[in-house]
């Protein structure tokens, strides 16, 4: 989804190019490669990791 933040499984904010797989998963990179990683929306992250992601979002927002 455009305009919706995506996160790596560790909760770090991902700002690069993404692509959507046939099953609907969003991965890193414009097209799929061996190094592509699955990305998550905030609500999909475990609670502990979600806290880290919220902090990353707030820090990013403060930069703007």
N, C-alpha and C. Protein backbone atom coordinates (compact mmCIF):
# COMPACT_ATOMS: atom_id res chain seq x y z
N UNK A 1 0.83 -1.18 0.00
CA UNK A 1 0.00 0.00 0.00
C UNK A 1 0.87 1.24 0.00
N UNK A 2 0.55 2.16 -0.84
CA UNK A 2 1.32 3.41 -0.86
C UNK A 2 0.88 4.30 0.29
N UNK A 3 1.85 4.96 0.89
CA UNK A 3 1.54 5.88 1.99
C UNK A 3 1.44 5.21 3.35
N UNK A 4 1.50 3.89 3.39
CA UNK A 4 1.44 3.15 4.65
C UNK A 4 2.86 2.71 4.99
N UNK A 5 3.33 3.01 6.20
CA UNK A 5 4.71 2.61 6.54
C UNK A 5 4.86 1.09 6.60
N UNK A 6 6.02 0.63 6.15
CA UNK A 6 6.35 -0.79 6.20
C UNK A 6 7.58 -0.96 7.09
N UNK A 7 7.63 -2.10 7.77
CA UNK A 7 8.70 -2.37 8.73
C UNK A 7 9.31 -3.73 8.47
N UNK A 8 10.61 -3.85 8.78
CA UNK A 8 11.26 -5.15 8.77
C UNK A 8 10.84 -5.88 10.04
N UNK A 9 11.16 -7.17 10.12
CA UNK A 9 10.70 -7.96 11.26
C UNK A 9 11.30 -7.51 12.58
N UNK A 10 12.40 -6.73 12.53
CA UNK A 10 13.00 -6.21 13.78
C UNK A 10 12.37 -4.89 14.22
N UNK A 11 11.42 -4.38 13.43
CA UNK A 11 10.73 -3.14 13.79
C UNK A 11 11.32 -1.90 13.15
N UNK A 12 12.40 -2.06 12.38
CA UNK A 12 12.99 -0.89 11.72
C UNK A 12 12.14 -0.46 10.54
N UNK A 13 12.00 0.84 10.38
CA UNK A 13 11.21 1.43 9.32
C UNK A 13 11.91 1.23 7.99
N UNK A 14 11.17 0.78 6.97
CA UNK A 14 11.75 0.57 5.64
C UNK A 14 11.22 1.64 4.71
N UNK A 15 12.13 2.36 4.05
CA UNK A 15 11.72 3.46 3.17
C UNK A 15 12.10 3.25 1.72
N UNK A 16 12.60 2.09 1.38
CA UNK A 16 13.03 1.82 0.00
C UNK A 16 11.90 1.32 -0.88
N UNK A 17 12.27 0.83 -2.05
CA UNK A 17 11.30 0.30 -3.01
C UNK A 17 10.77 -1.05 -2.52
N UNK A 18 9.52 -1.31 -2.88
CA UNK A 18 8.87 -2.56 -2.48
C UNK A 18 8.17 -3.19 -3.68
N UNK A 19 7.84 -4.46 -3.54
CA UNK A 19 7.01 -5.15 -4.52
C UNK A 19 6.07 -6.07 -3.77
N UNK A 20 4.95 -6.40 -4.41
CA UNK A 20 3.95 -7.27 -3.79
C UNK A 20 4.01 -8.64 -4.44
N UNK A 21 4.03 -9.67 -3.63
CA UNK A 21 4.06 -11.04 -4.10
C UNK A 21 2.64 -11.49 -4.47
N UNK A 22 2.53 -12.61 -5.18
CA UNK A 22 1.20 -13.11 -5.59
C UNK A 22 0.28 -13.34 -4.41
N UNK A 23 0.82 -13.78 -3.30
CA UNK A 23 0.01 -14.06 -2.11
C UNK A 23 -0.37 -12.80 -1.33
N UNK A 24 0.13 -11.63 -1.77
CA UNK A 24 -0.22 -10.38 -1.11
C UNK A 24 0.85 -9.84 -0.17
N UNK A 25 1.89 -10.61 0.09
CA UNK A 25 2.96 -10.14 0.96
C UNK A 25 3.75 -9.04 0.27
N UNK A 26 4.23 -8.08 1.04
CA UNK A 26 5.07 -7.01 0.53
C UNK A 26 6.51 -7.33 0.91
N UNK A 27 7.42 -7.20 -0.07
CA UNK A 27 8.83 -7.50 0.15
C UNK A 27 9.67 -6.31 -0.26
N UNK A 28 10.92 -6.29 0.22
CA UNK A 28 11.86 -5.22 -0.14
C UNK A 28 12.30 -5.37 -1.58
N UNK A 29 12.66 -4.25 -2.19
CA UNK A 29 13.18 -4.23 -3.55
C UNK A 29 12.09 -4.07 -4.59
N UNK A 30 12.44 -3.51 -5.74
CA UNK A 30 11.48 -3.28 -6.81
C UNK A 30 11.02 -4.59 -7.44
N UNK A 31 11.90 -5.59 -7.43
CA UNK A 31 11.52 -6.93 -7.91
C UNK A 31 12.15 -7.95 -6.97
N UNK A 32 11.68 -9.18 -7.03
CA UNK A 32 12.11 -10.18 -6.08
C UNK A 32 13.50 -10.71 -6.41
N UNK A 33 14.34 -10.79 -5.36
CA UNK A 33 15.67 -11.38 -5.46
C UNK A 33 15.90 -12.27 -4.25
N UNK A 34 17.05 -12.95 -4.21
CA UNK A 34 17.38 -13.80 -3.06
C UNK A 34 17.47 -13.00 -1.77
N UNK A 35 17.81 -11.71 -1.88
CA UNK A 35 17.98 -10.89 -0.68
C UNK A 35 16.71 -10.13 -0.27
N UNK A 36 15.61 -10.30 -1.00
CA UNK A 36 14.36 -9.64 -0.63
C UNK A 36 13.89 -10.12 0.73
N UNK A 37 13.37 -9.19 1.53
CA UNK A 37 12.88 -9.52 2.87
C UNK A 37 11.39 -9.19 2.95
N UNK A 38 10.66 -9.99 3.69
CA UNK A 38 9.24 -9.72 3.91
C UNK A 38 9.11 -8.47 4.78
N UNK A 39 8.13 -7.63 4.45
CA UNK A 39 7.85 -6.43 5.22
C UNK A 39 6.51 -6.57 5.91
N UNK A 40 6.31 -5.80 6.95
CA UNK A 40 5.12 -5.89 7.78
C UNK A 40 4.49 -4.53 8.00
N UNK A 41 3.19 -4.51 8.22
CA UNK A 41 2.52 -3.29 8.68
C UNK A 41 2.65 -3.27 10.20
N UNK A 42 2.47 -2.11 10.78
CA UNK A 42 2.65 -1.94 12.22
C UNK A 42 1.82 -2.95 13.02
N UNK A 43 0.57 -3.14 12.67
CA UNK A 43 -0.31 -4.03 13.43
C UNK A 43 0.06 -5.50 13.32
N UNK A 44 0.89 -5.85 12.33
CA UNK A 44 1.31 -7.24 12.14
C UNK A 44 2.52 -7.62 13.00
N UNK A 45 3.19 -6.63 13.55
CA UNK A 45 4.38 -6.88 14.34
C UNK A 45 4.02 -7.35 15.75
N UNK A 46 4.84 -8.18 16.36
CA UNK A 46 4.62 -8.56 17.76
C UNK A 46 4.65 -7.31 18.64
N UNK A 47 3.96 -7.34 19.75
CA UNK A 47 3.80 -6.17 20.61
C UNK A 47 5.14 -5.53 21.00
N UNK A 48 6.11 -6.34 21.37
CA UNK A 48 7.41 -5.83 21.80
C UNK A 48 8.12 -5.10 20.65
N UNK A 49 8.04 -5.67 19.47
CA UNK A 49 8.69 -5.09 18.30
C UNK A 49 7.90 -3.85 17.85
N UNK A 50 6.60 -3.86 18.03
CA UNK A 50 5.75 -2.73 17.65
C UNK A 50 6.18 -1.45 18.37
N UNK A 51 6.58 -1.57 19.64
CA UNK A 51 7.06 -0.41 20.40
C UNK A 51 8.29 0.20 19.72
N UNK A 52 9.22 -0.65 19.30
CA UNK A 52 10.42 -0.20 18.61
C UNK A 52 10.05 0.51 17.30
N UNK A 53 9.07 -0.04 16.60
CA UNK A 53 8.63 0.53 15.33
C UNK A 53 7.98 1.90 15.54
N UNK A 54 7.20 2.04 16.60
CA UNK A 54 6.58 3.33 16.90
C UNK A 54 7.63 4.39 17.19
N UNK A 55 8.66 4.02 17.92
CA UNK A 55 9.75 4.95 18.22
C UNK A 55 10.45 5.36 16.92
N UNK A 56 10.68 4.40 16.02
CA UNK A 56 11.32 4.69 14.74
C UNK A 56 10.46 5.65 13.92
N UNK A 57 9.14 5.45 13.93
CA UNK A 57 8.23 6.34 13.20
C UNK A 57 8.28 7.75 13.77
N UNK A 58 8.28 7.87 15.08
CA UNK A 58 8.31 9.19 15.71
C UNK A 58 9.62 9.92 15.42
N UNK A 59 10.72 9.20 15.45
CA UNK A 59 12.02 9.81 15.13
C UNK A 59 12.03 10.30 13.70
N UNK A 60 11.48 9.52 12.79
CA UNK A 60 11.41 9.89 11.39
C UNK A 60 10.53 11.12 11.19
N UNK A 61 9.44 11.18 11.92
CA UNK A 61 8.52 12.30 11.83
C UNK A 61 9.19 13.58 12.34
N UNK A 62 9.99 13.47 13.39
CA UNK A 62 10.69 14.63 13.95
C UNK A 62 11.71 15.20 12.97
N UNK A 63 12.27 14.35 12.10
CA UNK A 63 13.25 14.80 11.11
C UNK A 63 12.60 15.72 10.06
N UNK A 64 11.31 15.52 9.79
CA UNK A 64 10.63 16.30 8.75
C UNK A 64 10.21 17.65 9.22
